[in-house]
Amino acid sequence: MQPGNLTGNRAARLVVSGKVQGVWFRASTEKEAARLGICGWVRNCNDGSVEIFAEGTELDVFIQWCHEGPPLARVDSVDVEWTEPRGFASFEIR
């Protein structure tokens, strides 16, 4: 079961692997999150992956987008770990 709350918000931690750094992945993720009303953050990891914490009601659509990413990206895998929403009010690049 995917955690959530009474407003329908769900949350997930994603790790996106592949060619996802240096291809505008974080900036594109921030724009897609804003379009879908997703809150949380995105950051580069030392191993070349991108980590995302996302919460909102449109997570399924957002996660599907993460499997594609921006045009220059090559996404090899997206690991999703469902968790509890933390009440973020916006989405930011860290």
PDB file of N, CA and C in Angstrom:
ATOM      1  N   MET A   1       0.837  -1.184   0.000  1.00  0.00           N
ATOM      2  CA  MET A   1       0.000   0.000   0.000  1.00  0.00           C
ATOM      3  C   MET A   1       0.882   1.247   0.000  1.00  0.00           C
ATOM      4  N   GLN A   2       0.494   2.250  -0.743  1.00  0.00           N
ATOM      5  CA  GLN A   2       1.241   3.486  -0.835  1.00  0.00           C
ATOM      6  C   GLN A   2       0.747   4.448   0.234  1.00  0.00           C
ATOM      7  N   PRO A   3       1.670   4.945   1.089  1.00  0.00           N
ATOM      8  CA  PRO A   3       1.256   5.880   2.123  1.00  0.00           C
ATOM      9  C   PRO A   3       0.634   7.133   1.524  1.00  0.00           C
ATOM     10  N   GLY A   4      -0.211   7.771   2.308  1.00  0.00           N
ATOM     11  CA  GLY A   4      -0.838   9.015   1.865  1.00  0.00           C
ATOM     12  C   GLY A   4      -1.520   9.676   3.036  1.00  0.00           C
ATOM     13  N   ASN A   5      -2.332  10.661   2.744  1.00  0.00           N
ATOM     14  CA  ASN A   5      -3.092  11.304   3.801  1.00  0.00           C
ATOM     15  C   ASN A   5      -4.498  11.579   3.297  1.00  0.00           C
ATOM     16  N   LEU A   6      -5.290  12.253   4.084  1.00  0.00           N
ATOM     17  CA  LEU A   6      -6.692  12.452   3.731  1.00  0.00           C
ATOM     18  C   LEU A   6      -6.885  13.342   2.505  1.00  0.00           C
ATOM     19  N   THR A   7      -5.891  14.150   2.143  1.00  0.00           N
ATOM     20  CA  THR A   7      -6.016  15.012   0.966  1.00  0.00           C
ATOM     21  C   THR A   7      -5.669  14.275  -0.321  1.00  0.00           C
ATOM     22  N   GLY A   8      -5.233  13.040  -0.222  1.00  0.00           N
ATOM     23  CA  GLY A   8      -4.864  12.280  -1.408  1.00  0.00           C
ATOM     24  C   GLY A   8      -3.400  12.417  -1.769  1.00  0.00           C
ATOM     25  N   ASN A   9      -2.652  13.222  -1.004  1.00  0.00           N
ATOM     26  CA  ASN A   9      -1.223  13.351  -1.254  1.00  0.00           C
ATOM     27  C   ASN A   9      -0.511  12.042  -0.964  1.00  0.00           C
ATOM     28  N   ARG A  10       0.402  11.700  -1.851  1.00  0.00           N
ATOM     29  CA  ARG A  10       1.285  10.561  -1.637  1.00  0.00           C
ATOM     30  C   ARG A  10       2.704  11.078  -1.780  1.00  0.00           C
ATOM     31  N   ALA A  11       3.669  10.297  -1.343  1.00  0.00           N
ATOM     32  CA  ALA A  11       5.060  10.729  -1.435  1.00  0.00           C
ATOM     33  C   ALA A  11       5.941   9.551  -1.804  1.00  0.00           C
ATOM     34  N   ALA A  12       7.029   9.871  -2.498  1.00  0.00           N
ATOM     35  CA  ALA A  12       7.979   8.839  -2.902  1.00  0.00           C
ATOM     36  C   ALA A  12       9.374   9.432  -3.004  1.00  0.00           C
ATOM     37  N   ARG A  13      10.359   8.591  -2.728  1.00  0.00           N
ATOM     38  CA  ARG A  13      11.762   8.914  -2.971  1.00  0.00           C
ATOM     39  C   ARG A  13      12.159   8.145  -4.219  1.00  0.00           C
ATOM     40  N   LEU A  14      12.706   8.846  -5.202  1.00  0.00           N
ATOM     41  CA  LEU A  14      13.105   8.233  -6.464  1.00  0.00           C
ATOM     42  C   LEU A  14      14.605   8.378  -6.644  1.00  0.00           C
ATOM     43  N   VAL A  15      15.231   7.354  -7.199  1.00  0.00           N
ATOM     44  CA  VAL A  15      16.621   7.433  -7.635  1.00  0.00           C
ATOM     45  C   VAL A  15      16.618   7.094  -9.117  1.00  0.00           C
ATOM     46  N   VAL A  16      17.021   8.074  -9.928  1.00  0.00           N
ATOM     47  CA  VAL A  16      17.016   7.934 -11.379  1.00  0.00           C
ATOM     48  C   VAL A  16      18.455   7.744 -11.836  1.00  0.00           C
ATOM     49  N   SER A  17      18.710   6.646 -12.552  1.00  0.00           N
ATOM     50  CA  SER A  17      20.060   6.312 -13.007  1.00  0.00           C
ATOM     51  C   SER A  17      20.139   6.315 -14.522  1.00  0.00           C
ATOM     52  N   GLY A  18      21.326   6.540 -15.033  1.00  0.00           N
ATOM     53  CA  GLY A  18      21.581   6.599 -16.470  1.00  0.00           C
ATOM     54  C   GLY A  18      22.376   7.849 -16.769  1.00  0.00           C
ATOM     55  N   LYS A  19      22.190   8.402 -17.943  1.00  0.00           N
ATOM     56  CA  LYS A  19      22.819   9.688 -18.285  1.00  0.00           C
ATOM     57  C   LYS A  19      21.839  10.773 -17.861  1.00  0.00           C
ATOM     58  N   VAL A  20      21.915  11.143 -16.581  1.00  0.00           N
ATOM     59  CA  VAL A  20      20.931  12.059 -16.005  1.00  0.00           C
ATOM     60  C   VAL A  20      21.565  13.291 -15.363  1.00  0.00           C
ATOM     61  N   GLN A  21      22.876  13.423 -15.471  1.00  0.00           N
ATOM     62  CA  GLN A  21      23.547  14.635 -15.005  1.00  0.00           C
ATOM     63  C   GLN A  21      24.166  15.336 -16.204  1.00  0.00           C
ATOM     64  N   GLY A  22      24.126  16.656 -16.204  1.00  0.00           N
ATOM     65  CA  GLY A  22      24.661  17.438 -17.310  1.00  0.00           C
ATOM     66  C   GLY A  22      23.741  17.487 -18.516  1.00  0.00           C
ATOM     67  N   VAL A  23      22.482  17.108 -18.330  1.00  0.00           N
ATOM     68  CA  VAL A  23      21.506  17.076 -19.437  1.00  0.00           C
ATOM     69  C   VAL A  23      20.223  17.829 -19.061  1.00  0.00           C
ATOM     70  N   TRP A  24      20.322  18.730 -18.100  1.00  0.00           N
ATOM     71  CA  TRP A  24      19.184  19.540 -17.658  1.00  0.00           C
ATOM     72  C   TRP A  24      18.089  18.721 -16.979  1.00  0.00           C
ATOM     73  N   PHE A  25      18.467  17.575 -16.393  1.00  0.00           N
ATOM     74  CA  PHE A  25      17.464  16.722 -15.755  1.00  0.00           C
ATOM     75  C   PHE A  25      16.825  17.426 -14.561  1.00  0.00           C
ATOM     76  N   ARG A  26      17.636  18.034 -13.694  1.00  0.00           N
ATOM     77  CA  ARG A  26      17.072  18.677 -12.499  1.00  0.00           C
ATOM     78  C   ARG A  26      16.161  19.847 -12.863  1.00  0.00           C
ATOM     79  N   ALA A  27      16.596  20.699 -13.780  1.00  0.00           N
ATOM     80  CA  ALA A  27      15.771  21.848 -14.183  1.00  0.00           C
ATOM     81  C   ALA A  27      14.474  21.388 -14.835  1.00  0.00           C
ATOM     82  N   SER A  28      14.560  20.354 -15.667  1.00  0.00           N
ATOM     83  CA  SER A  28      13.358  19.826 -16.321  1.00  0.00           C
ATOM     84  C   SER A  28      12.428  19.173 -15.305  1.00  0.00           C
ATOM     85  N   THR A  29      13.008  18.509 -14.310  1.00  0.00           N
ATOM     86  CA  THR A  29      12.209  17.891 -13.248  1.00  0.00           C
ATOM     87  C   THR A  29      11.459  18.960 -12.461  1.00  0.00           C
ATOM     88  N   GLU A  30      12.133  20.067 -12.164  1.00  0.00           N
ATOM     89  CA  GLU A  30      11.485  21.166 -11.442  1.00  0.00           C
ATOM     90  C   GLU A  30      10.304  21.718 -12.248  1.00  0.00           C
ATOM     91  N   LYS A  31      10.470  21.878 -13.550  1.00  0.00           N
ATOM     92  CA  LYS A  31       9.376  22.382 -14.396  1.00  0.00           C
ATOM     93  C   LYS A  31       8.211  21.398 -14.455  1.00  0.00           C
ATOM     94  N   GLU A  32       8.517  20.108 -14.595  1.00  0.00           N
ATOM     95  CA  GLU A  32       7.452  19.099 -14.647  1.00  0.00           C
ATOM     96  C   GLU A  32       6.717  19.029 -13.314  1.00  0.00           C
ATOM     97  N   ALA A  33       7.459  19.121 -12.213  1.00  0.00           N
ATOM     98  CA  ALA A  33       6.832  19.118 -10.890  1.00  0.00           C
ATOM     99  C   ALA A  33       5.881  20.306 -10.745  1.00  0.00           C
ATOM    100  N   ALA A  34       6.313  21.475 -11.190  1.00  0.00           N
ATOM    101  CA  ALA A  34       5.453  22.666 -11.109  1.00  0.00           C
ATOM    102  C   ALA A  34       4.194  22.473 -11.948  1.00  0.00           C
ATOM    103  N   ARG A  35       4.345  21.893 -13.131  1.00  0.00           N
ATOM    104  CA  ARG A  35       3.193  21.666 -14.014  1.00  0.00           C
ATOM    105  C   ARG A  35       2.164  20.747 -13.359  1.00  0.00           C
ATOM    106  N   LEU A  36       2.648  19.759 -12.600  1.00  0.00           N
ATOM    107  CA  LEU A  36       1.771  18.755 -11.997  1.00  0.00           C
ATOM    108  C   LEU A  36       1.385  19.074 -10.550  1.00  0.00           C
ATOM    109  N   GLY A  37       1.906  20.154  -9.990  1.00  0.00           N
ATOM    110  CA  GLY A  37       1.608  20.474  -8.598  1.00  0.00           C
ATOM    111  C   GLY A  37       2.324  19.572  -7.609  1.00  0.00           C
ATOM    112  N   ILE A  38       3.493  19.074  -7.988  1.00  0.00           N
ATOM    113  CA  ILE A  38       4.295  18.206  -7.127  1.00  0.00           C
ATOM    114  C   ILE A  38       5.228  19.071  -6.293  1.00  0.00           C
ATOM    115  N   CYS A  39       5.373  18.749  -5.020  1.00  0.00           N
ATOM    116  CA  CYS A  39       6.296  19.455  -4.128  1.00  0.00           C
ATOM    117  C   CYS A  39       7.420  18.513  -3.718  1.00  0.00           C
ATOM    118  N   GLY A  40       8.548  19.084  -3.292  1.00  0.00           N
ATOM    119  CA  GLY A  40       9.683  18.289  -2.844  1.00  0.00           C
ATOM    120  C   GLY A  40      10.985  18.870  -3.345  1.00  0.00           C
ATOM    121  N   TRP A  41      11.913  17.999  -3.770  1.00  0.00           N
ATOM    122  CA  TRP A  41      13.221  18.466  -4.220  1.00  0.00           C
ATOM    123  C   TRP A  41      13.877  17.446  -5.145  1.00  0.00           C
ATOM    124  N   VAL A  42      14.923  17.907  -5.835  1.00  0.00           N
ATOM    125  CA  VAL A  42      15.731  17.060  -6.708  1.00  0.00           C
ATOM    126  C   VAL A  42      17.190  17.452  -6.507  1.00  0.00           C
ATOM    127  N   ARG A  43      18.091  16.464  -6.525  1.00  0.00           N
ATOM    128  CA  ARG A  43      19.522  16.763  -6.384  1.00  0.00           C
ATOM    129  C   ARG A  43      20.360  15.713  -7.104  1.00  0.00           C
ATOM    130  N   ASN A  44      21.558  16.128  -7.517  1.00  0.00           N
ATOM    131  CA  ASN A  44      22.529  15.204  -8.085  1.00  0.00           C
ATOM    132  C   ASN A  44      23.178  14.408  -6.966  1.00  0.00           C
ATOM    133  N   CYS A  45      23.521  13.166  -7.250  1.00  0.00           N
ATOM    134  CA  CYS A  45      24.241  12.321  -6.305  1.00  0.00           C
ATOM    135  C   CYS A  45      25.662  12.086  -6.823  1.00  0.00           C
ATOM    136  N   ASN A  46      26.567  11.759  -5.914  1.00  0.00           N
ATOM    137  CA  ASN A  46      27.965  11.546  -6.279  1.00  0.00           C
ATOM    138  C   ASN A  46      28.166  10.396  -7.248  1.00  0.00           C
ATOM    139  N   ASP A  47      27.265   9.421  -7.266  1.00  0.00           N
ATOM    140  CA  ASP A  47      27.424   8.254  -8.144  1.00  0.00           C
ATOM    141  C   ASP A  47      26.898   8.501  -9.558  1.00  0.00           C
ATOM    142  N   GLY A  48      26.466   9.732  -9.861  1.00  0.00           N
ATOM    143  CA  GLY A  48      25.970  10.059 -11.196  1.00  0.00           C
ATOM    144  C   GLY A  48      24.467   9.946 -11.352  1.00  0.00           C
ATOM    145  N   SER A  49      23.785   9.490 -10.317  1.00  0.00           N
ATOM    146  CA  SER A  49      22.323   9.394 -10.368  1.00  0.00           C
ATOM    147  C   SER A  49      21.709  10.709  -9.901  1.00  0.00           C
ATOM    148  N   VAL A  50      20.392  10.785  -9.966  1.00  0.00           N
ATOM    149  CA  VAL A  50      19.631  11.929  -9.463  1.00  0.00           C
ATOM    150  C   VAL A  50      18.631  11.398  -8.447  1.00  0.00           C
ATOM    151  N   GLU A  51      18.566  12.041  -7.288  1.00  0.00           N
ATOM    152  CA  GLU A  51      17.621  11.665  -6.241  1.00  0.00           C
ATOM    153  C   GLU A  51      16.508  12.696  -6.196  1.00  0.00           C
ATOM    154  N   ILE A  52      15.284  12.214  -6.048  1.00  0.00           N
ATOM    155  CA  ILE A  52      14.106  13.081  -6.003  1.00  0.00           C
ATOM    156  C   ILE A  52      13.247  12.677  -4.811  1.00  0.00           C
ATOM    157  N   PHE A  53      12.766  13.663  -4.064  1.00  0.00           N
ATOM    158  CA  PHE A  53      11.693  13.430  -3.104  1.00  0.00           C
ATOM    159  C   PHE A  53      10.499  14.196  -3.634  1.00  0.00           C
ATOM    160  N   ALA A  54       9.410  13.497  -3.869  1.00  0.00           N
ATOM    161  CA  ALA A  54       8.240  14.123  -4.487  1.00  0.00           C
ATOM    162  C   ALA A  54       6.983  13.754  -3.725  1.00  0.00           C
ATOM    163  N   GLU A  55       6.091  14.727  -3.577  1.00  0.00           N
ATOM    164  CA  GLU A  55       4.801  14.455  -2.956  1.00  0.00           C
ATOM    165  C   GLU A  55       3.719  15.263  -3.650  1.00  0.00           C
ATOM    166  N   GLY A  56       2.552  14.656  -3.737  1.00  0.00           N
ATOM    167  CA  GLY A  56       1.425  15.296  -4.392  1.00  0.00           C
ATOM    168  C   GLY A  56       0.424  14.257  -4.855  1.00  0.00           C
ATOM    169  N   THR A  57      -0.603  14.715  -5.545  1.00  0.00           N
ATOM    170  CA  THR A  57      -1.659  13.810  -5.997  1.00  0.00           C
ATOM    171  C   THR A  57      -1.392  13.236  -7.382  1.00  0.00           C
ATOM    172  N   GLU A  58      -0.458  13.817  -8.137  1.00  0.00           N
ATOM    173  CA  GLU A  58      -0.178  13.371  -9.509  1.00  0.00           C
ATOM    174  C   GLU A  58       1.138  12.603  -9.601  1.00  0.00           C
ATOM    175  N   LEU A  59       1.469  11.842  -8.561  1.00  0.00           N
ATOM    176  CA  LEU A  59       2.753  11.144  -8.542  1.00  0.00           C
ATOM    177  C   LEU A  59       2.899  10.114  -9.645  1.00  0.00           C
ATOM    178  N   ASP A  60       1.831   9.419  -9.997  1.00  0.00           N
ATOM    179  CA  ASP A  60       1.940   8.406 -11.052  1.00  0.00           C
ATOM    180  C   ASP A  60       2.388   9.034 -12.369  1.00  0.00           C
ATOM    181  N   VAL A  61       1.821  10.177 -12.713  1.00  0.00           N
ATOM    182  CA  VAL A  61       2.195  10.882 -13.947  1.00  0.00           C
ATOM    183  C   VAL A  61       3.634  11.379 -13.840  1.00  0.00           C
ATOM    184  N   PHE A  62       4.002  11.923 -12.689  1.00  0.00           N
ATOM    185  CA  PHE A  62       5.353  12.432 -12.473  1.00  0.00           C
ATOM    186  C   PHE A  62       6.392  11.315 -12.584  1.00  0.00           C
ATOM    187  N   ILE A  63       6.119  10.185 -11.959  1.00  0.00           N
ATOM    188  CA  ILE A  63       7.055   9.059 -12.015  1.00  0.00           C
ATOM    189  C   ILE A  63       7.193   8.555 -13.447  1.00  0.00           C
ATOM    190  N   GLN A  64       6.103   8.505 -14.179  1.00  0.00           N
ATOM    191  CA  GLN A  64       6.182   8.098 -15.585  1.00  0.00           C
ATOM    192  C   GLN A  64       7.077   9.061 -16.363  1.00  0.00           C
ATOM    193  N   TRP A  65       6.941  10.362 -16.114  1.00  0.00           N
ATOM    194  CA  TRP A  65       7.808  11.339 -16.775  1.00  0.00           C
ATOM    195  C   TRP A  65       9.276  11.085 -16.426  1.00  0.00           C
ATOM    196  N   CYS A  66       9.548  10.741 -15.169  1.00  0.00           N
ATOM    197  CA  CYS A  66      10.930  10.486 -14.739  1.00  0.00           C
ATOM    198  C   CYS A  66      11.557   9.319 -15.495  1.00  0.00           C
ATOM    199  N   HIS A  67      10.749   8.378 -15.967  1.00  0.00           N
ATOM    200  CA  HIS A  67      11.273   7.268 -16.770  1.00  0.00           C
ATOM    201  C   HIS A  67      11.768   7.743 -18.132  1.00  0.00           C
ATOM    202  N   GLU A  68      11.290   8.881 -18.589  1.00  0.00           N
ATOM    203  CA  GLU A  68      11.714   9.454 -19.879  1.00  0.00           C
ATOM    204  C   GLU A  68      12.720  10.580 -19.672  1.00  0.00           C
ATOM    205  N   GLY A  69      12.393  11.521 -18.806  1.00  0.00           N
ATOM    206  CA  GLY A  69      13.251  12.668 -18.564  1.00  0.00           C
ATOM    207  C   GLY A  69      13.276  13.625 -19.741  1.00  0.00           C
ATOM    208  N   PRO A  70      14.193  14.603 -19.701  1.00  0.00           N
ATOM    209  CA  PRO A  70      14.309  15.566 -20.796  1.00  0.00           C
ATOM    210  C   PRO A  70      14.955  14.925 -22.022  1.00  0.00           C
ATOM    211  N   PRO A  71      14.902  15.594 -23.171  1.00  0.00           N
ATOM    212  CA  PRO A  71      15.376  14.997 -24.432  1.00  0.00           C
ATOM    213  C   PRO A  71      16.818  14.490 -24.421  1.00  0.00           C
ATOM    214  N   LEU A  72      17.740  15.157 -23.733  1.00  0.00           N
ATOM    215  CA  LEU A  72      19.144  14.738 -23.760  1.00  0.00           C
ATOM    216  C   LEU A  72      19.468  13.623 -22.768  1.00  0.00           C
ATOM    217  N   ALA A  73      18.533  13.305 -21.889  1.00  0.00           N
ATOM    218  CA  ALA A  73      18.773  12.273 -20.877  1.00  0.00           C
ATOM    219  C   ALA A  73      18.598  10.874 -21.463  1.00  0.00           C
ATOM    220  N   ARG A  74      19.272   9.915 -20.810  1.00  0.00           N
ATOM    221  CA  ARG A  74      19.044   8.498 -21.087  1.00  0.00           C
ATOM    222  C   ARG A  74      18.793   7.838 -19.725  1.00  0.00           C
ATOM    223  N   VAL A  75      17.549   7.546 -19.449  1.00  0.00           N
ATOM    224  CA  VAL A  75      17.179   6.959 -18.166  1.00  0.00           C
ATOM    225  C   VAL A  75      17.274   5.442 -18.273  1.00  0.00           C
ATOM    226  N   ASP A  76      18.127   4.855 -17.430  1.00  0.00           N
ATOM    227  CA  ASP A  76      18.271   3.399 -17.396  1.00  0.00           C
ATOM    228  C   ASP A  76      17.344   2.766 -16.369  1.00  0.00           C
ATOM    229  N   SER A  77      17.148   3.442 -15.238  1.00  0.00           N
ATOM    230  CA  SER A  77      16.265   2.883 -14.210  1.00  0.00           C
ATOM    231  C   SER A  77      15.737   3.990 -13.308  1.00  0.00           C
ATOM    232  N   VAL A  78      14.568   3.724 -12.735  1.00  0.00           N
ATOM    233  CA  VAL A  78      13.969   4.607 -11.731  1.00  0.00           C
ATOM    234  C   VAL A  78      13.546   3.718 -10.567  1.00  0.00           C
ATOM    235  N   ASP A  79      14.231   3.861  -9.446  1.00  0.00           N
ATOM    236  CA  ASP A  79      13.865   3.122  -8.240  1.00  0.00           C
ATOM    237  C   ASP A  79      12.921   3.996  -7.425  1.00  0.00           C
ATOM    238  N   VAL A  80      11.789   3.427  -7.027  1.00  0.00           N
ATOM    239  CA  VAL A  80      10.760   4.178  -6.299  1.00  0.00           C
ATOM    240  C   VAL A  80      10.566   3.546  -4.931  1.00  0.00           C
ATOM    241  N   GLU A  81      10.650   4.363  -3.899  1.00  0.00           N
ATOM    242  CA  GLU A  81      10.380   3.937  -2.525  1.00  0.00           C
ATOM    243  C   GLU A  81       9.261   4.822  -1.984  1.00  0.00           C
ATOM    244  N   TRP A  82       8.097   4.225  -1.725  1.00  0.00           N
ATOM    245  CA  TRP A  82       6.956   4.993  -1.212  1.00  0.00           C
ATOM    246  C   TRP A  82       7.197   5.348   0.241  1.00  0.00           C
ATOM    247  N   THR A  83       6.798   6.535   0.631  1.00  0.00           N
ATOM    248  CA  THR A  83       7.019   7.021   1.986  1.00  0.00           C
ATOM    249  C   THR A  83       5.876   7.959   2.378  1.00  0.00           C
ATOM    250  N   GLU A  84       5.970   8.542   3.545  1.00  0.00           N
ATOM    251  CA  GLU A  84       4.933   9.467   4.017  1.00  0.00           C
ATOM    252  C   GLU A  84       5.210  10.880   3.511  1.00  0.00           C
ATOM    253  N   PRO A  85       4.172  11.640   3.162  1.00  0.00           N
ATOM    254  CA  PRO A  85       4.361  13.050   2.797  1.00  0.00           C
ATOM    255  C   PRO A  85       4.957  13.835   3.965  1.00  0.00           C
ATOM    256  N   ARG A  86       5.782  14.827   3.634  1.00  0.00           N
ATOM    257  CA  ARG A  86       6.428  15.653   4.657  1.00  0.00           C
ATOM    258  C   ARG A  86       5.899  17.078   4.683  1.00  0.00           C
ATOM    259  N   GLY A  87       4.968  17.406   3.814  1.00  0.00           N
ATOM    260  CA  GLY A  87       4.354  18.725   3.851  1.00  0.00           C
ATOM    261  C   GLY A  87       5.140  19.831   3.162  1.00  0.00           C
ATOM    262  N   PHE A  88       5.927  19.485   2.141  1.00  0.00           N
ATOM    263  CA  PHE A  88       6.635  20.517   1.381  1.00  0.00           C
ATOM    264  C   PHE A  88       5.627  21.446   0.709  1.00  0.00           C
ATOM    265  N   ALA A  89       5.990  22.726   0.603  1.00  0.00           N
ATOM    266  CA  ALA A  89       5.100  23.714  -0.011  1.00  0.00           C
ATOM    267  C   ALA A  89       5.513  24.070  -1.432  1.00  0.00           C
ATOM    268  N   SER A  90       6.694  23.612  -1.858  1.00  0.00           N
ATOM    269  CA  SER A  90       7.198  23.935  -3.194  1.00  0.00           C
ATOM    270  C   SER A  90       8.157  22.835  -3.638  1.00  0.00           C
ATOM    271  N   PHE A  91       8.705  22.990  -4.841  1.00  0.00           N
ATOM    272  CA  PHE A  91       9.689  22.042  -5.366  1.00  0.00           C
ATOM    273  C   PHE A  91      10.968  22.813  -5.644  1.00  0.00           C
ATOM    274  N   GLU A  92      12.100  22.279  -5.211  1.00  0.00           N
ATOM    275  CA  GLU A  92      13.358  23.006  -5.377  1.00  0.00           C
ATOM    276  C   GLU A  92      14.483  22.108  -5.877  1.00  0.00           C
ATOM    277  N   ILE A  93      15.446  22.743  -6.524  1.00  0.00           N
ATOM    278  CA  ILE A  93      16.685  22.071  -6.918  1.00  0.00           C
ATOM    279  C   ILE A  93      17.667  22.260  -5.779  1.00  0.00           C
ATOM    280  N   ARG A  94      18.246  21.159  -5.321  1.00  0.00           N
ATOM    281  CA  ARG A  94      19.228  21.243  -4.223  1.00  0.00           C
ATOM    282  C   ARG A  94      20.625  21.025  -4.754  1.00  0.00           C
TER     283      ARG A  94
END
